[in-house]
N, C-alpha and C. Protein backbone atom coordinates (compact mmCIF):
# COMPACT_ATOMS: atom_id res chain seq x y z
N VAL A 1 112.09 -42.90 240.66
CA VAL A 1 113.10 -43.76 240.08
C VAL A 1 114.47 -43.22 240.46
N ASP A 2 115.32 -44.07 240.97
CA ASP A 2 116.68 -43.67 241.29
C ASP A 2 117.51 -43.75 240.02
N LEU A 3 117.94 -42.58 239.54
CA LEU A 3 118.70 -42.54 238.30
C LEU A 3 120.20 -42.59 238.53
N GLY A 4 120.61 -42.81 239.76
CA GLY A 4 122.03 -42.90 240.07
C GLY A 4 122.63 -41.52 240.25
N SER A 5 123.88 -41.49 240.64
CA SER A 5 124.55 -40.22 240.90
C SER A 5 125.18 -39.62 239.65
N SER A 6 125.23 -40.37 238.56
CA SER A 6 125.78 -39.89 237.29
C SER A 6 125.10 -40.66 236.16
N TRP A 7 125.26 -40.17 234.95
CA TRP A 7 124.64 -40.89 233.83
C TRP A 7 125.25 -42.27 233.68
N GLU A 8 126.52 -42.42 234.06
CA GLU A 8 127.17 -43.73 233.93
C GLU A 8 126.53 -44.80 234.80
N THR A 9 125.98 -44.39 235.95
CA THR A 9 125.37 -45.36 236.86
C THR A 9 123.85 -45.41 236.74
N SER A 10 123.30 -44.65 235.80
CA SER A 10 121.84 -44.65 235.63
C SER A 10 121.36 -45.99 235.09
N PRO A 11 120.15 -46.38 235.43
CA PRO A 11 119.62 -47.64 234.89
C PRO A 11 119.51 -47.62 233.37
N PHE A 12 119.28 -46.44 232.79
CA PHE A 12 119.21 -46.33 231.33
C PHE A 12 120.55 -46.72 230.71
N ASN A 13 121.63 -46.15 231.25
CA ASN A 13 122.95 -46.45 230.71
C ASN A 13 123.35 -47.90 230.95
N LEU A 14 123.11 -48.40 232.14
CA LEU A 14 123.48 -49.78 232.44
C LEU A 14 122.75 -50.77 231.53
N ALA A 15 121.48 -50.51 231.27
CA ALA A 15 120.72 -51.38 230.37
C ALA A 15 121.28 -51.32 228.95
N LEU A 16 121.60 -50.12 228.48
CA LEU A 16 122.13 -49.97 227.12
C LEU A 16 123.51 -50.61 226.99
N GLU A 17 124.33 -50.50 228.02
CA GLU A 17 125.64 -51.16 227.97
C GLU A 17 125.48 -52.67 227.92
N HIS A 18 124.51 -53.19 228.65
CA HIS A 18 124.25 -54.63 228.61
C HIS A 18 123.80 -55.05 227.21
N VAL A 19 122.90 -54.29 226.62
CA VAL A 19 122.43 -54.60 225.27
C VAL A 19 123.59 -54.53 224.28
N ALA A 20 124.46 -53.55 224.44
CA ALA A 20 125.61 -53.42 223.54
C ALA A 20 126.50 -54.66 223.63
N GLU A 21 126.74 -55.13 224.83
CA GLU A 21 127.56 -56.34 225.00
C GLU A 21 126.88 -57.55 224.37
N GLN A 22 125.59 -57.69 224.61
CA GLN A 22 124.85 -58.83 224.05
C GLN A 22 124.80 -58.77 222.53
N SER A 23 124.72 -57.56 221.98
CA SER A 23 124.63 -57.44 220.52
C SER A 23 125.91 -57.86 219.81
N LYS A 24 127.01 -57.96 220.56
CA LYS A 24 128.27 -58.42 219.98
C LYS A 24 128.27 -59.92 219.74
N VAL A 25 127.43 -60.65 220.49
CA VAL A 25 127.41 -62.11 220.36
C VAL A 25 126.08 -62.65 219.85
N ARG A 26 125.08 -61.78 219.76
CA ARG A 26 123.76 -62.22 219.29
C ARG A 26 123.23 -61.23 218.27
N GLU A 27 122.80 -61.74 217.13
CA GLU A 27 122.27 -60.88 216.07
C GLU A 27 120.87 -60.37 216.37
N ASP A 28 120.14 -61.04 217.25
CA ASP A 28 118.74 -60.68 217.50
C ASP A 28 118.57 -59.68 218.64
N VAL A 29 119.65 -59.02 219.03
CA VAL A 29 119.60 -58.07 220.13
C VAL A 29 119.80 -56.67 219.58
N GLY A 30 118.97 -55.73 220.03
CA GLY A 30 119.11 -54.35 219.59
C GLY A 30 118.22 -53.44 220.41
N VAL A 31 118.15 -52.19 220.00
CA VAL A 31 117.39 -51.19 220.72
C VAL A 31 116.30 -50.64 219.83
N VAL A 32 115.11 -50.54 220.40
CA VAL A 32 113.99 -49.93 219.69
C VAL A 32 113.42 -48.80 220.55
N MET A 33 112.80 -47.85 219.87
CA MET A 33 112.10 -46.79 220.58
C MET A 33 110.73 -46.66 219.92
N ALA A 34 109.71 -46.74 220.75
CA ALA A 34 108.34 -46.55 220.26
C ALA A 34 108.03 -45.06 220.31
N ILE A 35 107.50 -44.54 219.22
CA ILE A 35 107.15 -43.12 219.18
C ILE A 35 105.68 -42.97 218.84
N ASP A 36 105.08 -41.94 219.42
CA ASP A 36 103.68 -41.65 219.13
C ASP A 36 103.59 -40.80 217.86
N GLN A 37 102.40 -40.32 217.56
CA GLN A 37 102.19 -39.58 216.32
C GLN A 37 102.84 -38.20 216.31
N LYS A 38 103.39 -37.78 217.45
CA LYS A 38 104.12 -36.51 217.53
C LYS A 38 105.60 -36.73 217.85
N ALA A 39 106.00 -37.98 217.96
CA ALA A 39 107.37 -38.33 218.35
C ALA A 39 107.75 -37.63 219.65
N SER A 40 106.82 -37.59 220.59
CA SER A 40 107.04 -36.86 221.84
C SER A 40 108.14 -37.47 222.70
N THR A 41 108.48 -38.73 222.47
CA THR A 41 109.59 -39.31 223.24
C THR A 41 110.88 -38.52 223.01
N LEU A 42 111.02 -37.94 221.83
CA LEU A 42 112.24 -37.19 221.52
C LEU A 42 112.26 -35.81 222.15
N THR A 43 111.22 -35.49 222.91
CA THR A 43 111.21 -34.22 223.64
C THR A 43 111.61 -34.43 225.10
N ARG A 44 111.97 -35.65 225.47
CA ARG A 44 112.35 -35.95 226.86
C ARG A 44 113.85 -36.25 226.92
N ILE A 45 114.52 -35.63 227.86
CA ILE A 45 115.99 -35.66 227.89
C ILE A 45 116.55 -37.07 228.06
N TRP A 46 115.91 -37.92 228.85
CA TRP A 46 116.47 -39.27 229.02
C TRP A 46 116.28 -40.11 227.75
N CYS A 47 115.27 -39.82 226.96
CA CYS A 47 115.11 -40.50 225.66
C CYS A 47 116.19 -40.01 224.69
N VAL A 48 116.47 -38.72 224.74
CA VAL A 48 117.58 -38.17 223.94
C VAL A 48 118.89 -38.83 224.37
N PHE A 49 119.06 -39.00 225.67
CA PHE A 49 120.26 -39.68 226.19
C PHE A 49 120.39 -41.08 225.59
N GLU A 50 119.28 -41.80 225.51
CA GLU A 50 119.32 -43.16 224.96
C GLU A 50 119.78 -43.14 223.50
N THR A 51 119.33 -42.18 222.72
CA THR A 51 119.79 -42.11 221.32
C THR A 51 121.29 -41.79 221.29
N TYR A 52 121.72 -40.90 222.17
CA TYR A 52 123.14 -40.56 222.27
C TYR A 52 123.97 -41.79 222.64
N ARG A 53 123.55 -42.52 223.67
CA ARG A 53 124.33 -43.68 224.11
C ARG A 53 124.35 -44.78 223.06
N CYS A 54 123.26 -44.98 222.36
CA CYS A 54 123.27 -45.98 221.28
C CYS A 54 124.34 -45.62 220.26
N GLN A 55 124.42 -44.34 219.95
CA GLN A 55 125.42 -43.90 218.99
C GLN A 55 126.84 -44.12 219.52
N THR A 56 127.09 -43.71 220.76
CA THR A 56 128.44 -43.84 221.29
C THR A 56 128.83 -45.29 221.57
N LEU A 57 127.84 -46.15 221.74
CA LEU A 57 128.12 -47.57 221.93
C LEU A 57 128.17 -48.34 220.61
N GLY A 58 127.97 -47.63 219.51
CA GLY A 58 128.04 -48.26 218.19
C GLY A 58 126.82 -49.10 217.84
N MET A 59 125.69 -48.77 218.43
CA MET A 59 124.45 -49.50 218.14
C MET A 59 123.47 -48.59 217.41
N GLY A 60 122.72 -49.18 216.53
CA GLY A 60 121.63 -48.44 215.93
C GLY A 60 120.41 -48.50 216.83
N MET A 61 119.50 -47.60 216.60
CA MET A 61 118.24 -47.60 217.32
C MET A 61 117.13 -47.58 216.27
N LYS A 62 116.24 -48.54 216.34
CA LYS A 62 115.12 -48.60 215.40
C LYS A 62 113.92 -47.90 216.02
N LEU A 63 113.31 -47.01 215.24
CA LEU A 63 112.13 -46.30 215.69
C LEU A 63 110.89 -46.96 215.12
N TYR A 64 109.86 -47.11 215.97
CA TYR A 64 108.60 -47.72 215.54
C TYR A 64 107.43 -46.81 215.90
N SER A 65 106.49 -46.72 214.98
CA SER A 65 105.24 -45.99 215.22
C SER A 65 104.10 -46.99 215.08
N VAL A 66 102.89 -46.49 215.11
CA VAL A 66 101.74 -47.37 214.93
C VAL A 66 101.75 -48.04 213.56
N GLU A 67 102.50 -47.48 212.62
CA GLU A 67 102.58 -48.04 211.27
C GLU A 67 103.75 -49.02 211.10
N GLY A 68 104.50 -49.25 212.15
CA GLY A 68 105.64 -50.15 212.05
C GLY A 68 106.95 -49.39 212.09
N ARG A 69 107.99 -50.01 211.54
CA ARG A 69 109.33 -49.41 211.60
C ARG A 69 109.39 -48.15 210.76
N LEU A 70 109.98 -47.11 211.34
CA LEU A 70 110.13 -45.83 210.68
C LEU A 70 111.45 -45.83 209.90
N LYS A 71 111.37 -45.49 208.61
CA LYS A 71 112.56 -45.45 207.77
C LYS A 71 112.47 -44.24 206.85
N ARG A 72 113.63 -43.75 206.43
CA ARG A 72 113.63 -42.67 205.45
C ARG A 72 112.91 -43.17 204.20
N GLY A 73 112.23 -42.28 203.53
CA GLY A 73 111.50 -42.66 202.33
C GLY A 73 110.14 -43.28 202.62
N GLN A 74 109.59 -42.99 203.80
CA GLN A 74 108.26 -43.51 204.16
C GLN A 74 107.25 -43.11 203.09
N ASP A 75 106.29 -43.97 202.84
CA ASP A 75 105.31 -43.67 201.80
C ASP A 75 103.92 -43.36 202.35
N THR A 76 103.82 -43.12 203.67
CA THR A 76 102.54 -42.73 204.24
C THR A 76 102.66 -41.31 204.77
N GLU A 77 101.54 -40.65 204.91
CA GLU A 77 101.54 -39.28 205.42
C GLU A 77 102.14 -39.22 206.82
N LEU A 78 101.70 -40.13 207.70
CA LEU A 78 102.24 -40.15 209.06
C LEU A 78 103.73 -40.44 209.04
N GLY A 79 104.15 -41.40 208.26
CA GLY A 79 105.57 -41.75 208.18
C GLY A 79 106.41 -40.57 207.74
N ARG A 80 105.98 -39.87 206.71
CA ARG A 80 106.72 -38.70 206.23
C ARG A 80 106.77 -37.61 207.31
N LYS A 81 105.64 -37.41 207.99
CA LYS A 81 105.58 -36.40 209.06
C LYS A 81 106.55 -36.77 210.18
N LEU A 82 106.54 -38.02 210.60
CA LEU A 82 107.42 -38.45 211.69
C LEU A 82 108.90 -38.34 211.32
N ILE A 83 109.23 -38.67 210.10
CA ILE A 83 110.62 -38.52 209.65
C ILE A 83 111.06 -37.07 209.79
N GLN A 84 110.20 -36.14 209.40
CA GLN A 84 110.54 -34.73 209.52
C GLN A 84 110.68 -34.31 210.98
N VAL A 85 109.78 -34.79 211.83
CA VAL A 85 109.86 -34.46 213.25
C VAL A 85 111.17 -34.98 213.84
N VAL A 86 111.52 -36.21 213.51
CA VAL A 86 112.77 -36.80 214.02
C VAL A 86 113.98 -36.01 213.52
N LEU A 87 113.99 -35.70 212.24
CA LEU A 87 115.12 -34.98 211.67
C LEU A 87 115.26 -33.57 212.23
N ASN A 88 114.15 -32.97 212.63
CA ASN A 88 114.17 -31.59 213.12
C ASN A 88 114.11 -31.48 214.64
N ALA A 89 114.18 -32.60 215.34
CA ALA A 89 114.12 -32.57 216.81
C ALA A 89 115.28 -31.75 217.35
N ASP A 90 114.99 -30.89 218.30
CA ASP A 90 116.01 -30.04 218.91
C ASP A 90 116.43 -30.64 220.25
N VAL A 91 117.57 -31.27 220.26
CA VAL A 91 118.09 -31.96 221.43
C VAL A 91 118.15 -31.03 222.63
N GLU A 92 118.58 -29.81 222.41
CA GLU A 92 118.77 -28.87 223.51
C GLU A 92 117.46 -28.39 224.13
N GLU A 93 116.35 -28.61 223.44
CA GLU A 93 115.05 -28.20 223.97
C GLU A 93 114.33 -29.32 224.70
N ALA A 94 114.94 -30.49 224.78
CA ALA A 94 114.30 -31.63 225.46
C ALA A 94 114.00 -31.28 226.91
N LYS A 95 112.91 -31.81 227.40
CA LYS A 95 112.43 -31.52 228.76
C LYS A 95 112.95 -32.56 229.74
N ALA A 96 113.02 -32.14 231.00
CA ALA A 96 113.43 -33.03 232.09
C ALA A 96 112.65 -32.66 233.34
N SER A 97 112.30 -33.65 234.13
CA SER A 97 111.63 -33.35 235.40
C SER A 97 112.64 -32.84 236.42
N CYS A 98 113.90 -33.07 236.17
CA CYS A 98 114.98 -32.62 237.06
C CYS A 98 115.99 -31.84 236.22
N TRP A 99 116.11 -30.56 236.45
CA TRP A 99 116.98 -29.73 235.62
C TRP A 99 118.43 -30.17 235.69
N GLN A 100 118.85 -30.80 236.80
CA GLN A 100 120.22 -31.27 236.91
C GLN A 100 120.49 -32.39 235.91
N ASP A 101 119.49 -33.24 235.69
CA ASP A 101 119.64 -34.31 234.70
C ASP A 101 119.85 -33.72 233.31
N LYS A 102 119.04 -32.73 232.99
CA LYS A 102 119.15 -32.10 231.67
C LYS A 102 120.53 -31.48 231.50
N ARG A 103 120.97 -30.74 232.49
CA ARG A 103 122.29 -30.10 232.41
C ARG A 103 123.39 -31.15 232.23
N MET A 104 123.33 -32.23 233.00
CA MET A 104 124.34 -33.28 232.93
C MET A 104 124.36 -33.93 231.55
N ILE A 105 123.19 -34.26 231.03
CA ILE A 105 123.13 -34.95 229.74
C ILE A 105 123.58 -34.03 228.61
N LEU A 106 123.09 -32.79 228.59
CA LEU A 106 123.50 -31.86 227.54
C LEU A 106 125.00 -31.59 227.60
N GLN A 107 125.54 -31.46 228.77
CA GLN A 107 126.99 -31.23 228.92
C GLN A 107 127.76 -32.43 228.38
N THR A 108 127.29 -33.62 228.69
CA THR A 108 127.97 -34.84 228.21
C THR A 108 127.95 -34.90 226.69
N ILE A 109 126.80 -34.63 226.09
CA ILE A 109 126.70 -34.66 224.63
C ILE A 109 127.61 -33.58 224.03
N ARG A 110 127.54 -32.38 224.57
CA ARG A 110 128.33 -31.25 224.06
C ARG A 110 129.82 -31.57 224.11
N GLU A 111 130.28 -32.19 225.19
CA GLU A 111 131.71 -32.44 225.38
C GLU A 111 132.22 -33.71 224.68
N THR A 112 131.31 -34.50 224.15
CA THR A 112 131.76 -35.74 223.47
C THR A 112 131.47 -35.63 221.97
N VAL A 113 130.32 -36.08 221.52
CA VAL A 113 130.03 -36.13 220.09
C VAL A 113 129.45 -34.84 219.52
N GLY A 114 128.88 -34.00 220.38
CA GLY A 114 128.24 -32.77 219.90
C GLY A 114 126.79 -33.00 219.52
N PHE A 115 126.01 -31.93 219.53
CA PHE A 115 124.58 -32.03 219.26
C PHE A 115 124.28 -32.45 217.82
N ALA A 116 125.06 -31.99 216.87
CA ALA A 116 124.82 -32.32 215.47
C ALA A 116 124.91 -33.83 215.25
N ALA A 117 125.82 -34.48 215.94
CA ALA A 117 125.99 -35.93 215.78
C ALA A 117 124.76 -36.70 216.29
N VAL A 118 124.13 -36.19 217.32
CA VAL A 118 122.95 -36.87 217.87
C VAL A 118 121.77 -36.75 216.91
N HIS A 119 121.74 -35.68 216.14
CA HIS A 119 120.67 -35.48 215.15
C HIS A 119 120.81 -36.41 213.95
N ALA A 120 122.03 -36.87 213.68
CA ALA A 120 122.28 -37.65 212.46
C ALA A 120 121.54 -38.95 212.42
């Protein structure tokens, strides 16, 4: 996959910017992330990037598991476990197949909103 020469030109960013524009004129447009029972998507740097960009673009991101939408105050064992995994995810430990991508994304987060903001 050609991720572009910078995060700004990556297909991930371009898609999220398009969604952000559409969400200004349509209520039924938004971003979702499907997570497995270990929330392993949050261990991948480009998925972390997507959460970061949603935040900086002023969009929420809805998380879904096999049980449906994930929300604070889940009343199932899996839901409670996933909430804890999400809240405790370590952005800086996210994996990347290309170390340059990881360095670029972490630097961008560090220099803009900071890691704590991405955890919120």
